[in-house]
Amino acid sequence: MEWGEEAAVDDPLAERLLDIIYHDPDLRRSYKESLTDWILDTQPRTAPLDAAALVQYLAAHQPELLKRLKINVRIKEELARALESLDRR
């Protein structure tokens, strides 16, 4: 990704997840850096960030962060639906 270029995030859940993660001052920097690396290394730059892929990444690589997000009232229900959808696959 070039300097100043941002990944497209059209999925409302993905957008809210990233907003919560990157604006949380109590969240360890290493979590944010790992997530950024994953986005840059694996997600297509020409397509919106996929919330399902983001949730799968968090479940596999940052379960503590996912657990923390599951109790966030802003996204609790939508995240639960996304996790149920992943479980059905």
PDB file of N, CA and C in Angstrom:
ATOM      1  N   MET A   1       0.844  -1.163   0.000  1.00  0.00           N
ATOM      2  CA  MET A   1       0.000   0.000   0.000  1.00  0.00           C
ATOM      3  C   MET A   1       0.892   1.229   0.000  1.00  0.00           C
ATOM      4  N   GLU A   2       0.606   2.159  -0.864  1.00  0.00           N
ATOM      5  CA  GLU A   2       1.409   3.365  -0.979  1.00  0.00           C
ATOM      6  C   GLU A   2       1.077   4.328   0.156  1.00  0.00           C
ATOM      7  N   TRP A   3       2.011   5.217   0.455  1.00  0.00           N
ATOM      8  CA  TRP A   3       1.802   6.211   1.488  1.00  0.00           C
ATOM      9  C   TRP A   3       0.562   7.021   1.153  1.00  0.00           C
ATOM     10  N   GLY A   4      -0.324   7.179   2.117  1.00  0.00           N
ATOM     11  CA  GLY A   4      -1.528   7.958   1.923  1.00  0.00           C
ATOM     12  C   GLY A   4      -2.687   7.173   1.328  1.00  0.00           C
ATOM     13  N   GLU A   5      -2.404   5.981   0.811  1.00  0.00           N
ATOM     14  CA  GLU A   5      -3.458   5.149   0.246  1.00  0.00           C
ATOM     15  C   GLU A   5      -4.080   4.345   1.377  1.00  0.00           C
ATOM     16  N   GLU A   6      -5.391   4.288   1.414  1.00  0.00           N
ATOM     17  CA  GLU A   6      -6.072   3.544   2.461  1.00  0.00           C
ATOM     18  C   GLU A   6      -6.778   2.351   1.865  1.00  0.00           C
ATOM     19  N   ALA A   7      -6.846   1.289   2.630  1.00  0.00           N
ATOM     20  CA  ALA A   7      -7.606   0.120   2.197  1.00  0.00           C
ATOM     21  C   ALA A   7      -9.086   0.476   2.205  1.00  0.00           C
ATOM     22  N   ALA A   8      -9.809  -0.035   1.250  1.00  0.00           N
ATOM     23  CA  ALA A   8     -11.242   0.222   1.196  1.00  0.00           C
ATOM     24  C   ALA A   8     -11.940  -0.606   2.270  1.00  0.00           C
ATOM     25  N   VAL A   9     -12.798   0.027   3.032  1.00  0.00           N
ATOM     26  CA  VAL A   9     -13.568  -0.658   4.054  1.00  0.00           C
ATOM     27  C   VAL A   9     -15.019  -0.246   3.865  1.00  0.00           C
ATOM     28  N   ASP A  10     -15.751  -1.018   3.071  1.00  0.00           N
ATOM     29  CA  ASP A  10     -17.143  -0.703   2.814  1.00  0.00           C
ATOM     30  C   ASP A  10     -18.083  -1.473   3.733  1.00  0.00           C
ATOM     31  N   ASP A  11     -17.596  -2.545   4.330  1.00  0.00           N
ATOM     32  CA  ASP A  11     -18.412  -3.376   5.199  1.00  0.00           C
ATOM     33  C   ASP A  11     -18.590  -2.646   6.533  1.00  0.00           C
ATOM     34  N   PRO A  12     -19.832  -2.355   6.921  1.00  0.00           N
ATOM     35  CA  PRO A  12     -20.054  -1.608   8.170  1.00  0.00           C
ATOM     36  C   PRO A  12     -19.456  -2.286   9.409  1.00  0.00           C
ATOM     37  N   LEU A  13     -19.536  -3.625   9.492  1.00  0.00           N
ATOM     38  CA  LEU A  13     -18.968  -4.312  10.646  1.00  0.00           C
ATOM     39  C   LEU A  13     -17.451  -4.185  10.644  1.00  0.00           C
ATOM     40  N   ALA A  14     -16.829  -4.396   9.516  1.00  0.00           N
ATOM     41  CA  ALA A  14     -15.367  -4.271   9.436  1.00  0.00           C
ATOM     42  C   ALA A  14     -14.935  -2.861   9.821  1.00  0.00           C
ATOM     43  N   GLU A  15     -15.675  -1.884   9.340  1.00  0.00           N
ATOM     44  CA  GLU A  15     -15.346  -0.492   9.651  1.00  0.00           C
ATOM     45  C   GLU A  15     -15.451  -0.228  11.149  1.00  0.00           C
ATOM     46  N   ARG A  16     -16.522  -0.701  11.773  1.00  0.00           N
ATOM     47  CA  ARG A  16     -16.693  -0.482  13.217  1.00  0.00           C
ATOM     48  C   ARG A  16     -15.632  -1.232  14.023  1.00  0.00           C
ATOM     49  N   LEU A  17     -15.310  -2.458  13.608  1.00  0.00           N
ATOM     50  CA  LEU A  17     -14.272  -3.219  14.309  1.00  0.00           C
ATOM     51  C   LEU A  17     -12.943  -2.482  14.269  1.00  0.00           C
ATOM     52  N   LEU A  18     -12.560  -2.030  13.084  1.00  0.00           N
ATOM     53  CA  LEU A  18     -11.291  -1.315  12.961  1.00  0.00           C
ATOM     54  C   LEU A  18     -11.304  -0.018  13.756  1.00  0.00           C
ATOM     55  N   ASP A  19     -12.411   0.674  13.740  1.00  0.00           N
ATOM     56  CA  ASP A  19     -12.530   1.927  14.490  1.00  0.00           C
ATOM     57  C   ASP A  19     -12.319   1.674  15.981  1.00  0.00           C
ATOM     58  N   ILE A  20     -12.971   0.660  16.493  1.00  0.00           N
ATOM     59  CA  ILE A  20     -12.840   0.339  17.922  1.00  0.00           C
ATOM     60  C   ILE A  20     -11.412  -0.085  18.251  1.00  0.00           C
ATOM     61  N   ILE A  21     -10.852  -0.950  17.428  1.00  0.00           N
ATOM     62  CA  ILE A  21      -9.504  -1.462  17.687  1.00  0.00           C
ATOM     63  C   ILE A  21      -8.468  -0.338  17.658  1.00  0.00           C
ATOM     64  N   TYR A  22      -8.460   0.446  16.599  1.00  0.00           N
ATOM     65  CA  TYR A  22      -7.411   1.451  16.434  1.00  0.00           C
ATOM     66  C   TYR A  22      -7.592   2.688  17.312  1.00  0.00           C
ATOM     67  N   HIS A  23      -8.779   2.917  17.835  1.00  0.00           N
ATOM     68  CA  HIS A  23      -8.991   4.077  18.700  1.00  0.00           C
ATOM     69  C   HIS A  23      -8.992   3.732  20.184  1.00  0.00           C
ATOM     70  N   ASP A  24      -8.764   2.490  20.518  1.00  0.00           N
ATOM     71  CA  ASP A  24      -8.736   2.069  21.921  1.00  0.00           C
ATOM     72  C   ASP A  24      -7.344   2.310  22.497  1.00  0.00           C
ATOM     73  N   PRO A  25      -7.201   3.296  23.370  1.00  0.00           N
ATOM     74  CA  PRO A  25      -5.874   3.605  23.917  1.00  0.00           C
ATOM     75  C   PRO A  25      -5.349   2.516  24.857  1.00  0.00           C
ATOM     76  N   ASP A  26      -6.229   1.659  25.349  1.00  0.00           N
ATOM     77  CA  ASP A  26      -5.796   0.606  26.269  1.00  0.00           C
ATOM     78  C   ASP A  26      -5.351  -0.665  25.556  1.00  0.00           C
ATOM     79  N   LEU A  27      -5.565  -0.726  24.252  1.00  0.00           N
ATOM     80  CA  LEU A  27      -5.210  -1.913  23.485  1.00  0.00           C
ATOM     81  C   LEU A  27      -3.721  -1.882  23.155  1.00  0.00           C
ATOM     82  N   ARG A  28      -3.078  -3.007  23.389  1.00  0.00           N
ATOM     83  CA  ARG A  28      -1.639  -3.067  23.152  1.00  0.00           C
ATOM     84  C   ARG A  28      -1.307  -2.750  21.703  1.00  0.00           C
ATOM     85  N   ARG A  29      -0.252  -1.995  21.533  1.00  0.00           N
ATOM     86  CA  ARG A  29       0.204  -1.593  20.201  1.00  0.00           C
ATOM     87  C   ARG A  29       0.528  -2.803  19.337  1.00  0.00           C
ATOM     88  N   SER A  30       1.048  -3.862  19.932  1.00  0.00           N
ATOM     89  CA  SER A  30       1.418  -5.053  19.163  1.00  0.00           C
ATOM     90  C   SER A  30       0.202  -5.685  18.490  1.00  0.00           C
ATOM     91  N   TYR A  31      -0.975  -5.615  19.143  1.00  0.00           N
ATOM     92  CA  TYR A  31      -2.207  -6.119  18.520  1.00  0.00           C
ATOM     93  C   TYR A  31      -2.529  -5.322  17.267  1.00  0.00           C
ATOM     94  N   LYS A  32      -2.426  -4.010  17.387  1.00  0.00           N
ATOM     95  CA  LYS A  32      -2.735  -3.135  16.261  1.00  0.00           C
ATOM     96  C   LYS A  32      -1.736  -3.345  15.119  1.00  0.00           C
ATOM     97  N   GLU A  33      -0.471  -3.481  15.457  1.00  0.00           N
ATOM     98  CA  GLU A  33       0.554  -3.682  14.429  1.00  0.00           C
ATOM     99  C   GLU A  33       0.374  -5.025  13.727  1.00  0.00           C
ATOM    100  N   SER A  34       0.066  -6.063  14.477  1.00  0.00           N
ATOM    101  CA  SER A  34      -0.165  -7.376  13.867  1.00  0.00           C
ATOM    102  C   SER A  34      -1.362  -7.339  12.925  1.00  0.00           C
ATOM    103  N   LEU A  35      -2.415  -6.671  13.342  1.00  0.00           N
ATOM    104  CA  LEU A  35      -3.600  -6.548  12.508  1.00  0.00           C
ATOM    105  C   LEU A  35      -3.283  -5.771  11.234  1.00  0.00           C
ATOM    106  N   THR A  36      -2.555  -4.692  11.372  1.00  0.00           N
ATOM    107  CA  THR A  36      -2.160  -3.902  10.206  1.00  0.00           C
ATOM    108  C   THR A  36      -1.336  -4.744   9.246  1.00  0.00           C
ATOM    109  N   ASP A  37      -0.389  -5.494   9.771  1.00  0.00           N
ATOM    110  CA  ASP A  37       0.431  -6.368   8.927  1.00  0.00           C
ATOM    111  C   ASP A  37      -0.424  -7.393   8.197  1.00  0.00           C
ATOM    112  N   TRP A  38      -1.385  -7.989   8.904  1.00  0.00           N
ATOM    113  CA  TRP A  38      -2.263  -8.978   8.278  1.00  0.00           C
ATOM    114  C   TRP A  38      -3.068  -8.347   7.143  1.00  0.00           C
ATOM    115  N   ILE A  39      -3.617  -7.170   7.391  1.00  0.00           N
ATOM    116  CA  ILE A  39      -4.396  -6.482   6.359  1.00  0.00           C
ATOM    117  C   ILE A  39      -3.529  -6.207   5.135  1.00  0.00           C
ATOM    118  N   LEU A  40      -2.348  -5.651   5.364  1.00  0.00           N
ATOM    119  CA  LEU A  40      -1.462  -5.310   4.248  1.00  0.00           C
ATOM    120  C   LEU A  40      -0.959  -6.542   3.507  1.00  0.00           C
ATOM    121  N   ASP A  41      -0.716  -7.624   4.226  1.00  0.00           N
ATOM    122  CA  ASP A  41      -0.143  -8.831   3.620  1.00  0.00           C
ATOM    123  C   ASP A  41      -1.162  -9.739   2.953  1.00  0.00           C
ATOM    124  N   THR A  42      -2.416  -9.697   3.387  1.00  0.00           N
ATOM    125  CA  THR A  42      -3.361 -10.704   2.899  1.00  0.00           C
ATOM    126  C   THR A  42      -4.587 -10.167   2.183  1.00  0.00           C
ATOM    127  N   GLN A  43      -4.950  -8.939   2.433  1.00  0.00           N
ATOM    128  CA  GLN A  43      -6.196  -8.434   1.876  1.00  0.00           C
ATOM    129  C   GLN A  43      -5.952  -7.678   0.574  1.00  0.00           C
ATOM    130  N   PRO A  44      -6.798  -7.929  -0.422  1.00  0.00           N
ATOM    131  CA  PRO A  44      -6.639  -7.240  -1.700  1.00  0.00           C
ATOM    132  C   PRO A  44      -6.802  -5.731  -1.533  1.00  0.00           C
ATOM    133  N   ARG A  45      -5.964  -5.003  -2.204  1.00  0.00           N
ATOM    134  CA  ARG A  45      -6.004  -3.540  -2.073  1.00  0.00           C
ATOM    135  C   ARG A  45      -7.119  -2.910  -2.890  1.00  0.00           C
ATOM    136  N   THR A  46      -7.659  -3.663  -3.823  1.00  0.00           N
ATOM    137  CA  THR A  46      -8.686  -3.113  -4.707  1.00  0.00           C
ATOM    138  C   THR A  46     -10.092  -3.505  -4.288  1.00  0.00           C
ATOM    139  N   ALA A  47     -10.212  -4.262  -3.216  1.00  0.00           N
ATOM    140  CA  ALA A  47     -11.527  -4.712  -2.744  1.00  0.00           C
ATOM    141  C   ALA A  47     -11.720  -4.273  -1.295  1.00  0.00           C
ATOM    142  N   PRO A  48     -12.968  -4.089  -0.907  1.00  0.00           N
ATOM    143  CA  PRO A  48     -13.233  -3.728   0.492  1.00  0.00           C
ATOM    144  C   PRO A  48     -12.772  -4.829   1.449  1.00  0.00           C
ATOM    145  N   LEU A  49     -12.387  -4.422   2.635  1.00  0.00           N
ATOM    146  CA  LEU A  49     -12.001  -5.375   3.664  1.00  0.00           C
ATOM    147  C   LEU A  49     -13.207  -6.224   4.026  1.00  0.00           C
ATOM    148  N   ASP A  50     -13.026  -7.511   4.028  1.00  0.00           N
ATOM    149  CA  ASP A  50     -14.093  -8.468   4.310  1.00  0.00           C
ATOM    150  C   ASP A  50     -14.193  -8.690   5.818  1.00  0.00           C
ATOM    151  N   ALA A  51     -15.362  -8.376   6.386  1.00  0.00           N
ATOM    152  CA  ALA A  51     -15.557  -8.533   7.826  1.00  0.00           C
ATOM    153  C   ALA A  51     -15.402  -9.985   8.256  1.00  0.00           C
ATOM    154  N   ALA A  52     -15.864 -10.924   7.443  1.00  0.00           N
ATOM    155  CA  ALA A  52     -15.729 -12.342   7.794  1.00  0.00           C
ATOM    156  C   ALA A  52     -14.262 -12.733   7.899  1.00  0.00           C
ATOM    157  N   ALA A  53     -13.448 -12.277   6.960  1.00  0.00           N
ATOM    158  CA  ALA A  53     -12.019 -12.580   7.003  1.00  0.00           C
ATOM    159  C   ALA A  53     -11.372 -11.938   8.229  1.00  0.00           C
ATOM    160  N   LEU A  54     -11.794 -10.732   8.549  1.00  0.00           N
ATOM    161  CA  LEU A  54     -11.268 -10.036   9.721  1.00  0.00           C
ATOM    162  C   LEU A  54     -11.611 -10.793  11.000  1.00  0.00           C
ATOM    163  N   VAL A  55     -12.852 -11.225  11.118  1.00  0.00           N
ATOM    164  CA  VAL A  55     -13.276 -11.972  12.303  1.00  0.00           C
ATOM    165  C   VAL A  55     -12.541 -13.305  12.381  1.00  0.00           C
ATOM    166  N   GLN A  56     -12.357 -13.979  11.258  1.00  0.00           N
ATOM    167  CA  GLN A  56     -11.603 -15.240  11.243  1.00  0.00           C
ATOM    168  C   GLN A  56     -10.167 -15.013  11.701  1.00  0.00           C
ATOM    169  N   TYR A  57      -9.549 -13.942  11.220  1.00  0.00           N
ATOM    170  CA  TYR A  57      -8.184 -13.621  11.641  1.00  0.00           C
ATOM    171  C   TYR A  57      -8.132 -13.405  13.150  1.00  0.00           C
ATOM    172  N   LEU A  58      -9.056 -12.614  13.667  1.00  0.00           N
ATOM    173  CA  LEU A  58      -9.063 -12.343  15.104  1.00  0.00           C
ATOM    174  C   LEU A  58      -9.266 -13.622  15.911  1.00  0.00           C
ATOM    175  N   ALA A  59     -10.164 -14.482  15.451  1.00  0.00           N
ATOM    176  CA  ALA A  59     -10.417 -15.738  16.165  1.00  0.00           C
ATOM    177  C   ALA A  59      -9.175 -16.623  16.183  1.00  0.00           C
ATOM    178  N   ALA A  60      -8.461 -16.660  15.086  1.00  0.00           N
ATOM    179  CA  ALA A  60      -7.293 -17.539  14.981  1.00  0.00           C
ATOM    180  C   ALA A  60      -6.035 -16.957  15.613  1.00  0.00           C
ATOM    181  N   HIS A  61      -5.850 -15.646  15.514  1.00  0.00           N
ATOM    182  CA  HIS A  61      -4.573 -15.059  15.908  1.00  0.00           C
ATOM    183  C   HIS A  61      -4.630 -14.093  17.088  1.00  0.00           C
ATOM    184  N   GLN A  62      -5.798 -13.563  17.372  1.00  0.00           N
ATOM    185  CA  GLN A  62      -5.922 -12.620  18.473  1.00  0.00           C
ATOM    186  C   GLN A  62      -7.220 -12.875  19.254  1.00  0.00           C
ATOM    187  N   PRO A  63      -7.358 -14.094  19.804  1.00  0.00           N
ATOM    188  CA  PRO A  63      -8.610 -14.431  20.500  1.00  0.00           C
ATOM    189  C   PRO A  63      -8.904 -13.528  21.699  1.00  0.00           C
ATOM    190  N   GLU A  64      -7.882 -13.007  22.354  1.00  0.00           N
ATOM    191  CA  GLU A  64      -8.112 -12.106  23.483  1.00  0.00           C
ATOM    192  C   GLU A  64      -8.796 -10.829  23.019  1.00  0.00           C
ATOM    193  N   LEU A  65      -8.356 -10.336  21.882  1.00  0.00           N
ATOM    194  CA  LEU A  65      -8.955  -9.126  21.317  1.00  0.00           C
ATOM    195  C   LEU A  65     -10.389  -9.406  20.872  1.00  0.00           C
ATOM    196  N   LEU A  66     -10.626 -10.540  20.240  1.00  0.00           N
ATOM    197  CA  LEU A  66     -11.979 -10.898  19.825  1.00  0.00           C
ATOM    198  C   LEU A  66     -12.902 -11.005  21.036  1.00  0.00           C
ATOM    199  N   LYS A  67     -12.401 -11.606  22.100  1.00  0.00           N
ATOM    200  CA  LYS A  67     -13.189 -11.736  23.331  1.00  0.00           C
ATOM    201  C   LYS A  67     -13.580 -10.356  23.853  1.00  0.00           C
ATOM    202  N   ARG A  68     -12.656  -9.450  23.797  1.00  0.00           N
ATOM    203  CA  ARG A  68     -12.906  -8.078  24.248  1.00  0.00           C
ATOM    204  C   ARG A  68     -13.946  -7.387  23.359  1.00  0.00           C
ATOM    205  N   LEU A  69     -13.865  -7.630  22.054  1.00  0.00           N
ATOM    206  CA  LEU A  69     -14.815  -7.026  21.126  1.00  0.00           C
ATOM    207  C   LEU A  69     -16.225  -7.596  21.296  1.00  0.00           C
ATOM    208  N   LYS A  70     -16.306  -8.864  21.686  1.00  0.00           N
ATOM    209  CA  LYS A  70     -17.609  -9.521  21.849  1.00  0.00           C
ATOM    210  C   LYS A  70     -18.466  -8.856  22.924  1.00  0.00           C
ATOM    211  N   ILE A  71     -17.859  -8.184  23.865  1.00  0.00           N
ATOM    212  CA  ILE A  71     -18.624  -7.544  24.935  1.00  0.00           C
ATOM    213  C   ILE A  71     -18.861  -6.058  24.683  1.00  0.00           C
ATOM    214  N   ASN A  72     -18.368  -5.548  23.574  1.00  0.00           N
ATOM    215  CA  ASN A  72     -18.566  -4.144  23.239  1.00  0.00           C
ATOM    216  C   ASN A  72     -20.012  -3.941  22.791  1.00  0.00           C
ATOM    217  N   VAL A  73     -20.735  -3.095  23.497  1.00  0.00           N
ATOM    218  CA  VAL A  73     -22.166  -2.917  23.214  1.00  0.00           C
ATOM    219  C   VAL A  73     -22.437  -2.342  21.832  1.00  0.00           C
ATOM    220  N   ARG A  74     -21.480  -1.639  21.262  1.00  0.00           N
ATOM    221  CA  ARG A  74     -21.676  -1.039  19.936  1.00  0.00           C
ATOM    222  C   ARG A  74     -21.767  -2.087  18.834  1.00  0.00           C
ATOM    223  N   ILE A  75     -21.101  -3.230  19.026  1.00  0.00           N
ATOM    224  CA  ILE A  75     -21.034  -4.226  17.949  1.00  0.00           C
ATOM    225  C   ILE A  75     -21.381  -5.633  18.401  1.00  0.00           C
ATOM    226  N   LYS A  76     -21.744  -5.792  19.648  1.00  0.00           N
ATOM    227  CA  LYS A  76     -21.966  -7.105  20.246  1.00  0.00           C
ATOM    228  C   LYS A  76     -22.882  -7.994  19.411  1.00  0.00           C
ATOM    229  N   GLU A  77     -24.059  -7.507  19.063  1.00  0.00           N
ATOM    230  CA  GLU A  77     -25.033  -8.325  18.340  1.00  0.00           C
ATOM    231  C   GLU A  77     -24.584  -8.631  16.917  1.00  0.00           C
ATOM    232  N   GLU A  78     -24.060  -7.624  16.231  1.00  0.00           N
ATOM    233  CA  GLU A  78     -23.616  -7.833  14.854  1.00  0.00           C
ATOM    234  C   GLU A  78     -22.423  -8.786  14.801  1.00  0.00           C
ATOM    235  N   LEU A  79     -21.520  -8.679  15.748  1.00  0.00           N
ATOM    236  CA  LEU A  79     -20.374  -9.579  15.810  1.00  0.00           C
ATOM    237  C   LEU A  79     -20.827 -11.002  16.114  1.00  0.00           C
ATOM    238  N   ALA A  80     -21.804 -11.156  16.992  1.00  0.00           N
ATOM    239  CA  ALA A  80     -22.341 -12.484  17.306  1.00  0.00           C
ATOM    240  C   ALA A  80     -22.932 -13.124  16.048  1.00  0.00           C
ATOM    241  N   ARG A  81     -23.665 -12.335  15.251  1.00  0.00           N
ATOM    242  CA  ARG A  81     -24.225 -12.864  13.995  1.00  0.00           C
ATOM    243  C   ARG A  81     -23.120 -13.267  13.028  1.00  0.00           C
ATOM    244  N   ALA A  82     -22.063 -12.478  12.945  1.00  0.00           N
ATOM    245  CA  ALA A  82     -20.942 -12.796  12.055  1.00  0.00           C
ATOM    246  C   ALA A  82     -20.266 -14.090  12.497  1.00  0.00           C
ATOM    247  N   LEU A  83     -20.098 -14.268  13.799  1.00  0.00           N
ATOM    248  CA  LEU A  83     -19.472 -15.486  14.310  1.00  0.00           C
ATOM    249  C   LEU A  83     -20.354 -16.702  14.058  1.00  0.00           C
ATOM    250  N   GLU A  84     -21.668 -16.554  14.226  1.00  0.00           N
ATOM    251  CA  GLU A  84     -22.601 -17.652  13.926  1.00  0.00           C
ATOM    252  C   GLU A  84     -22.517 -18.035  12.461  1.00  0.00           C
ATOM    253  N   SER A  85     -22.443 -17.053  11.604  1.00  0.00           N
ATOM    254  CA  SER A  85     -22.357 -17.291  10.172  1.00  0.00           C
ATOM    255  C   SER A  85     -21.074 -18.064   9.827  1.00  0.00           C
ATOM    256  N   LEU A  86     -19.990 -17.720  10.484  1.00  0.00           N
ATOM    257  CA  LEU A  86     -18.723 -18.424  10.260  1.00  0.00           C
ATOM    258  C   LEU A  86     -18.791 -19.854  10.748  1.00  0.00           C
ATOM    259  N   ASP A  87     -19.477 -20.073  11.870  1.00  0.00           N
ATOM    260  CA  ASP A  87     -19.607 -21.411  12.433  1.00  0.00           C
ATOM    261  C   ASP A  87     -20.401 -22.346  11.513  1.00  0.00           C
ATOM    262  N   ARG A  88     -21.334 -21.767  10.774  1.00  0.00           N
ATOM    263  CA  ARG A  88     -22.165 -22.567   9.868  1.00  0.00           C
ATOM    264  C   ARG A  88     -21.422 -23.014   8.615  1.00  0.00           C
ATOM    265  N   ARG A  89     -20.311 -22.361   8.326  1.00  0.00           N
ATOM    266  CA  ARG A  89     -19.537 -22.700   7.109  1.00  0.00           C
ATOM    267  C   ARG A  89     -18.828 -24.004   7.255  1.00  0.00           C
TER     268      ARG A  89
END
